[in-house]
Amino acid sequence: MAIYVSLSSLSISSHPHIHCFPLKSTPNFTNLKFPPLIGNPRINVSVCKASASSSSSTVAFRNLDADDFRHPLDRQNTLILRAIPGLDEIGKLILGSIAEQVMFLENIGTSLLVSTNQLPELHQLMLEAAEILNVESPDLYVRQSPVPNAYTLAISGKRPFVVIHTSLIELLSRKELQAVMAHELGHLKCDHGLWLTYANILALGAYTIPGKFMNLYLIRLGGLIASSIENQLSRWIRAAELTCDRAALLVAQDPKIVMSVLMKLSGGCASLADQLNVDAFLEQARSYDKASSSPMGWYIRNAQTRQLSHPLPVLRAREIDEWSRSQEYNSLMKRAMPMNTQPKA
């Protein structure tokens, strides 16, 4: 597919079929809602002060394949989507060159391109994350926004790029920020663009594509899409986010870094960073599991999940904790090799 937007699953949306935040007249991502955070014993969590360079123990994966870390639910739901007749044709009809150019120009026209001589510390973090995951490094942009978020855009014939909002940079430590970059790289590594495009059709098309015919076409076709594949797309997106959290862990190589990102996006801020406790957040996840284990709790949990385009942060933290203890993860780490001393250009 020619174009896709992948908003980091480190974000949360209440819209079941949209893998992004609601749009106004231009694609400004707003209306972020976070669940409450409980518990605040102190731990040392630095905010944007950690070194950008890799530690001596950091390793990279020279022959890493997407299926090496793909979540089983991602694999299962991808097969279901591929079995839907005509899904590819619908996407190709709706998105064309106009949509590509609107989204491409809107993003690069309002952001700051990171390079060796522009925010070089962030540039180095992206290069290292890409090397660890054995994927080509995309362009990286920083965009001024009060909403902590990150997303990926790929246009046919153009280099993919990742956009990170300034508020997210302020919120996270450097290692946490690199985990966010790795999450976005996970979408590229796993070729998630095709299905993420379909998830954004109704959300982005009617607001960003000029032309009366295109808007009418989207309205007529939108009902068909929503009635036939909306729920399945939502399930797949949530599963795909779990896969990309695993990519973040492969780069961070410490589950507490990934869980700390989720914790901060749930209820953290820079002024409270030294009071946040990852262990308490993980215990919160276990409490949620226990509370939702009854028949009524199970029903409420499923109803709550269906309203989200991303899994609940506490559940994602629990997933990462469990995978970090798995034989699958340990086997991957044994395959890894020390990183190159010189970063890729």
Protein backbone atom coordinates (compact mmCIF):
# COMPACT_ATOMS: atom_id res chain seq x y z
CA MET A 1 0.00 0.00 0.00
CA ALA A 2 1.28 3.45 -0.77
CA ILE A 3 0.63 5.28 2.47
CA TYR A 4 0.10 4.65 6.13
CA VAL A 5 0.05 6.41 9.44
CA SER A 6 1.03 4.52 12.55
CA LEU A 7 0.44 6.41 15.73
CA SER A 8 2.47 4.95 18.49
CA SER A 9 0.58 2.55 20.64
CA LEU A 10 2.10 4.48 23.43
CA SER A 11 -0.90 6.69 22.70
CA ILE A 12 -4.51 5.96 23.53
CA SER A 13 -7.60 6.66 21.46
CA SER A 14 -11.21 6.08 22.39
CA HIS A 15 -12.26 5.55 18.79
CA PRO A 16 -12.62 1.87 17.89
CA HIS A 17 -11.75 2.11 14.19
CA ILE A 18 -9.18 4.89 14.23
CA HIS A 19 -5.49 4.35 14.82
CA CYS A 20 -4.97 8.02 15.55
CA PHE A 21 -6.43 10.92 17.47
CA PRO A 22 -9.56 12.74 16.22
CA LEU A 23 -8.79 15.30 13.54
CA LYS A 24 -9.89 18.87 13.13
CA SER A 25 -9.55 20.78 9.85
CA THR A 26 -5.89 19.82 9.71
CA PRO A 27 -4.31 16.65 11.09
CA ASN A 28 -3.58 17.94 14.61
CA PHE A 29 -3.89 15.02 17.01
CA THR A 30 -5.90 16.03 20.08
CA ASN A 31 -8.35 14.82 22.71
CA LEU A 32 -5.99 12.33 24.34
CA LYS A 33 -7.49 10.53 27.34
CA PHE A 34 -5.51 8.62 29.93
CA PRO A 35 -6.64 6.20 32.64
CA PRO A 36 -5.71 7.11 36.24
CA LEU A 37 -2.50 5.93 37.85
CA ILE A 38 -2.37 4.66 41.41
CA GLY A 39 0.56 4.30 43.74
CA ASN A 40 3.57 6.61 43.83
CA PRO A 41 6.52 5.30 45.89
CA ARG A 42 9.82 6.81 44.84
CA ILE A 43 12.27 5.38 42.33
CA ASN A 44 14.95 7.06 40.27
CA VAL A 45 13.52 7.83 36.83
CA SER A 46 15.50 10.44 34.90
CA VAL A 47 13.73 12.82 32.54
CA CYS A 48 15.52 13.56 29.28
CA LYS A 49 18.95 13.44 30.87
CA ALA A 50 20.21 9.94 30.13
CA SER A 51 23.05 9.49 27.69
CA ALA A 52 22.13 8.89 24.08
CA SER A 53 24.92 6.41 23.53
CA SER A 54 24.39 2.70 23.93
CA SER A 55 25.73 0.98 27.01
CA SER A 56 28.58 -1.48 26.59
CA SER A 57 26.15 -4.36 27.09
CA THR A 58 23.76 -3.33 24.30
CA VAL A 59 23.39 -5.95 21.59
CA ALA A 60 21.90 -5.96 18.08
CA PHE A 61 20.09 -8.57 16.00
CA ARG A 62 21.86 -9.17 12.69
CA ASN A 63 19.29 -11.54 11.16
CA LEU A 64 16.13 -10.50 12.93
CA ASP A 65 12.87 -11.34 11.18
CA ALA A 66 9.53 -9.76 12.05
CA ASP A 67 8.06 -13.15 12.87
CA ASP A 68 10.77 -13.65 15.48
CA PHE A 69 8.93 -11.27 17.80
CA ARG A 70 5.46 -10.93 16.30
CA HIS A 71 2.73 -11.34 18.89
CA PRO A 72 0.49 -14.42 18.35
CA LEU A 73 -2.62 -12.23 18.30
CA ASP A 74 -1.02 -10.08 15.60
CA ARG A 75 -0.31 -13.16 13.51
CA GLN A 76 -3.79 -14.58 14.04
CA ASN A 77 -5.68 -11.37 13.25
CA THR A 78 -3.52 -10.64 10.22
CA LEU A 79 -4.57 -13.96 8.72
CA ILE A 80 -8.21 -13.08 9.35
CA LEU A 81 -7.86 -9.70 7.65
CA ARG A 82 -6.15 -11.23 4.63
CA ALA A 83 -9.13 -13.54 4.22
CA ILE A 84 -11.58 -10.62 3.81
CA PRO A 85 -12.49 -10.43 0.09
CA GLY A 86 -11.79 -7.13 -1.67
CA LEU A 87 -10.07 -5.40 1.24
CA ASP A 88 -6.99 -4.49 -0.80
CA GLU A 89 -9.09 -3.08 -3.64
CA ILE A 90 -11.14 -0.90 -1.29
CA GLY A 91 -8.01 0.72 0.14
CA LYS A 92 -6.48 1.38 -3.25
CA LEU A 93 -9.66 3.03 -4.48
CA ILE A 94 -9.91 5.37 -1.52
CA LEU A 95 -6.30 6.45 -1.13
CA GLY A 96 -4.50 7.93 -4.09
CA SER A 97 -1.84 10.46 -4.97
CA ILE A 98 -3.80 13.41 -3.55
CA ALA A 99 -4.10 11.81 -0.13
CA GLU A 100 -0.42 10.93 -0.17
CA GLN A 101 0.70 14.46 -0.96
CA VAL A 102 -1.64 16.11 1.55
CA MET A 103 -0.45 13.95 4.41
CA PHE A 104 3.20 14.05 3.37
CA LEU A 105 3.39 17.84 2.99
CA GLU A 106 1.33 18.50 6.11
CA ASN A 107 3.75 16.50 8.23
CA ILE A 108 7.09 17.64 6.85
CA GLY A 109 5.90 21.24 6.55
CA THR A 110 5.20 21.60 10.27
CA SER A 111 8.05 19.60 11.83
CA LEU A 112 11.81 19.80 12.33
CA LEU A 113 13.99 17.29 10.47
CA VAL A 114 16.50 15.60 12.77
CA SER A 115 20.00 14.95 11.40
CA THR A 116 23.66 14.83 12.37
CA ASN A 117 23.67 18.61 12.70
CA GLN A 118 20.08 19.09 13.92
CA LEU A 119 19.29 17.51 17.29
CA PRO A 120 22.12 14.99 16.79
CA GLU A 121 21.41 13.20 20.08
CA LEU A 122 17.96 12.16 18.86
CA HIS A 123 19.43 11.25 15.48
CA GLN A 124 21.88 8.89 17.17
CA LEU A 125 19.11 7.27 19.21
CA MET A 126 17.19 6.46 16.03
CA LEU A 127 20.27 5.07 14.27
CA GLU A 128 21.02 2.80 17.21
CA ALA A 129 17.44 1.56 17.46
CA ALA A 130 17.37 0.78 13.74
CA GLU A 131 20.68 -1.07 13.98
CA ILE A 132 19.46 -3.19 16.87
CA LEU A 133 16.30 -4.20 14.98
CA ASN A 134 18.15 -4.73 11.69
CA VAL A 135 15.92 -2.28 9.81
CA GLU A 136 16.73 0.76 7.68
CA SER A 137 16.55 3.96 9.68
CA PRO A 138 13.71 6.29 8.59
CA ASP A 139 13.84 10.07 8.72
CA LEU A 140 12.96 11.53 12.09
CA TYR A 141 10.99 14.72 12.66
CA VAL A 142 10.21 16.61 15.86
CA ARG A 143 6.89 18.41 15.94
CA GLN A 144 5.71 21.04 18.41
CA SER A 145 2.65 19.71 20.23
CA PRO A 146 1.33 19.58 23.80
CA VAL A 147 -0.03 16.05 23.17
CA PRO A 148 2.58 13.32 23.89
CA ASN A 149 2.55 11.22 20.75
CA ALA A 150 4.61 9.62 17.99
CA TYR A 151 3.64 8.24 14.60
CA THR A 152 5.05 6.89 11.35
CA LEU A 153 4.23 7.80 7.77
CA ALA A 154 5.32 5.99 4.61
CA ILE A 155 4.66 7.21 1.08
CA SER A 156 5.38 5.18 -2.04
CA GLY A 157 8.66 6.28 -3.55
CA LYS A 158 9.62 8.32 -0.49
CA ARG A 159 11.64 7.51 2.60
CA PRO A 160 9.45 6.57 5.60
CA PHE A 161 9.61 8.97 8.50
CA VAL A 162 8.76 9.06 12.18
CA VAL A 163 7.33 12.13 13.91
CA ILE A 164 7.74 12.67 17.65
CA HIS A 165 5.96 15.43 19.55
CA THR A 166 7.95 17.79 21.75
CA SER A 167 5.81 17.02 24.80
CA LEU A 168 6.77 13.35 24.54
CA ILE A 169 10.45 14.30 24.48
CA GLU A 170 9.96 16.37 27.61
CA LEU A 171 8.11 13.55 29.35
CA LEU A 172 10.54 10.68 28.75
CA SER A 173 14.15 9.85 29.51
CA ARG A 174 16.42 9.26 26.54
CA LYS A 175 16.25 5.47 26.87
CA GLU A 176 12.47 5.67 27.11
CA LEU A 177 12.37 7.90 24.06
CA GLN A 178 14.47 5.38 22.16
CA ALA A 179 11.96 2.70 23.14
CA VAL A 180 9.24 4.83 21.51
CA MET A 181 11.37 5.08 18.36
CA ALA A 182 11.80 1.32 18.43
CA HIS A 183 8.05 0.85 18.72
CA GLU A 184 7.60 2.90 15.54
CA LEU A 185 10.38 0.97 13.83
CA GLY A 186 8.49 -2.18 14.78
CA HIS A 187 5.61 -1.07 12.54
CA LEU A 188 8.04 -0.67 9.63
CA LYS A 189 9.82 -3.93 10.39
CA CYS A 190 6.53 -5.85 10.49
CA ASP A 191 5.08 -4.17 7.40
CA HIS A 192 2.00 -3.02 9.29
CA GLY A 193 1.33 -0.19 6.85
CA LEU A 194 -1.30 -1.96 4.76
CA TRP A 195 -3.76 -2.57 7.55
CA LEU A 196 -3.05 0.66 9.41
CA THR A 197 -4.03 2.47 6.22
CA TYR A 198 -7.46 0.86 6.26
CA ALA A 199 -7.89 1.74 9.91
CA ASN A 200 -7.28 5.41 9.07
CA ILE A 201 -9.50 5.60 5.97
CA LEU A 202 -12.60 6.95 7.65
CA ALA A 203 -10.69 9.06 10.16
CA LEU A 204 -8.29 10.80 7.79
CA GLY A 205 -9.89 10.72 4.38
CA ALA A 206 -12.92 12.94 4.87
CA TYR A 207 -10.87 15.56 6.71
CA THR A 208 -7.68 15.76 4.68
CA ILE A 209 -8.54 14.84 1.08
CA PRO A 210 -9.84 17.80 -0.96
CA GLY A 211 -12.61 17.31 -3.44
CA LYS A 212 -16.35 16.89 -3.16
CA PHE A 213 -16.34 13.59 -5.04
CA MET A 214 -13.79 12.01 -2.71
CA ASN A 215 -15.74 13.05 0.38
CA LEU A 216 -19.02 11.68 -1.00
CA TYR A 217 -17.28 8.48 -2.06
CA LEU A 218 -15.81 8.05 1.41
CA ILE A 219 -19.18 8.62 3.06
CA ARG A 220 -20.89 6.01 0.89
CA LEU A 221 -18.11 3.48 1.17
CA GLY A 222 -17.48 4.23 4.84
CA GLY A 223 -20.65 2.50 5.95
CA LEU A 224 -19.68 -0.65 4.11
CA ILE A 225 -16.20 -0.65 5.62
CA ALA A 226 -17.44 0.07 9.12
CA SER A 227 -20.09 -2.64 9.02
CA SER A 228 -17.84 -5.38 7.64
CA ILE A 229 -14.31 -4.92 8.96
CA GLU A 230 -14.28 -2.22 11.62
CA ASN A 231 -14.30 -4.58 14.57
CA GLN A 232 -11.74 -6.88 13.03
CA LEU A 233 -9.43 -3.97 12.24
CA SER A 234 -9.68 -2.78 15.83
CA ARG A 235 -8.74 -6.21 17.11
CA TRP A 236 -5.81 -6.39 14.72
CA ILE A 237 -4.53 -2.92 15.64
CA ARG A 238 -4.51 -3.75 19.33
CA ALA A 239 -2.60 -6.93 18.57
CA ALA A 240 -0.14 -5.11 16.31
CA GLU A 241 0.61 -2.69 19.14
CA LEU A 242 1.62 -5.60 21.34
CA THR A 243 4.05 -6.69 18.64
CA CYS A 244 5.63 -3.24 18.48
CA ASP A 245 5.94 -3.10 22.27
CA ARG A 246 8.10 -6.18 21.86
CA ALA A 247 10.24 -4.32 19.33
CA ALA A 248 10.64 -1.59 21.93
CA LEU A 249 11.83 -4.18 24.46
CA LEU A 250 14.34 -5.66 22.01
CA VAL A 251 15.92 -2.21 21.73
CA ALA A 252 15.59 -1.13 25.37
CA GLN A 253 16.68 -4.60 26.58
CA ASP A 254 15.11 -3.77 29.94
CA PRO A 255 11.35 -4.34 30.43
CA LYS A 256 11.15 -1.58 33.04
CA ILE A 257 12.08 1.01 30.42
CA VAL A 258 9.14 0.05 28.22
CA MET A 259 6.79 -0.22 31.18
CA SER A 260 7.96 3.18 32.40
CA VAL A 261 6.92 4.73 29.07
CA LEU A 262 3.45 3.26 29.44
CA MET A 263 3.26 4.39 33.04
CA LYS A 264 4.23 7.97 32.20
CA LEU A 265 1.72 8.13 29.37
CA SER A 266 -0.94 6.88 31.75
CA GLY A 267 -0.41 9.51 34.41
CA GLY A 268 3.14 10.80 34.59
CA CYS A 269 4.73 14.20 34.14
CA ALA A 270 8.25 15.61 34.41
CA SER A 271 7.69 17.12 37.85
CA LEU A 272 6.61 13.75 39.28
CA ALA A 273 9.24 11.60 37.57
CA ASP A 274 11.19 10.87 40.74
CA GLN A 275 8.04 9.60 42.47
CA LEU A 276 6.91 7.12 39.80
CA ASN A 277 7.21 3.41 40.51
CA VAL A 278 7.22 0.85 37.70
CA ASP A 279 6.69 -2.04 40.10
CA ALA A 280 3.57 -0.38 41.48
CA PHE A 281 2.31 0.13 37.94
CA LEU A 282 2.84 -3.54 37.18
CA GLU A 283 1.01 -4.47 40.37
CA GLN A 284 -1.81 -2.23 39.16
CA ALA A 285 -1.95 -4.38 36.02
CA ARG A 286 -2.27 -7.52 38.10
CA SER A 287 -5.05 -5.88 40.10
CA TYR A 288 -6.87 -5.12 36.88
CA ASP A 289 -6.57 -8.74 35.78
CA LYS A 290 -7.96 -9.91 39.11
CA ALA A 291 -10.82 -7.40 39.09
CA SER A 292 -11.82 -8.39 35.56
CA SER A 293 -11.68 -12.15 36.13
CA SER A 294 -15.32 -12.45 37.23
CA PRO A 295 -18.07 -12.87 34.60
CA MET A 296 -19.21 -9.27 35.04
CA GLY A 297 -15.62 -8.02 35.10
CA TRP A 298 -14.87 -9.93 31.91
CA TYR A 299 -17.87 -8.32 30.19
CA ILE A 300 -16.88 -4.82 31.33
CA ARG A 301 -13.28 -5.40 30.30
CA ASN A 302 -14.27 -6.45 26.79
CA ALA A 303 -16.68 -3.55 26.43
CA GLN A 304 -13.96 -1.17 27.56
CA THR A 305 -11.38 -2.65 25.20
CA ARG A 306 -13.69 -2.45 22.17
CA GLN A 307 -13.80 1.34 22.59
CA LEU A 308 -10.03 1.68 22.30
CA SER A 309 -7.70 1.53 19.32
CA HIS A 310 -4.87 0.53 21.66
CA PRO A 311 -4.71 -2.00 24.47
CA LEU A 312 -4.94 -0.60 27.99
CA PRO A 313 -1.50 0.58 29.21
CA VAL A 314 -1.59 -1.61 32.32
CA LEU A 315 -2.27 -4.69 30.19
CA ARG A 316 0.52 -3.79 27.80
CA ALA A 317 2.88 -3.46 30.75
CA ARG A 318 1.85 -6.91 31.95
CA GLU A 319 2.36 -8.35 28.44
CA ILE A 320 5.88 -6.93 28.27
CA ASP A 321 6.73 -8.23 31.72
CA GLU A 322 5.55 -11.72 30.79
CA TRP A 323 7.34 -11.75 27.42
CA SER A 324 10.59 -10.56 29.02
CA ARG A 325 10.50 -13.71 31.14
CA SER A 326 9.68 -16.05 28.26
CA GLN A 327 11.89 -18.59 26.55
CA GLU A 328 11.15 -16.87 23.24
CA TYR A 329 12.65 -13.58 24.41
CA ASN A 330 15.62 -15.24 26.08
CA SER A 331 16.36 -17.21 22.91
CA LEU A 332 16.32 -14.01 20.85
CA MET A 333 18.71 -12.33 23.25
CA LYS A 334 21.11 -15.28 22.97
CA ARG A 335 21.17 -14.77 19.20
CA ALA A 336 22.13 -11.12 19.51
CA MET A 337 25.63 -9.76 18.97
CA PRO A 338 27.48 -6.70 20.31
CA MET A 339 26.60 -3.52 18.45
CA ASN A 340 28.93 -1.96 15.93
CA THR A 341 31.12 0.73 17.39
CA GLN A 342 30.38 2.97 14.41
CA PRO A 343 26.71 3.80 13.71
CA LYS A 344 25.23 3.37 10.27
CA ALA A 345 24.99 6.50 8.16
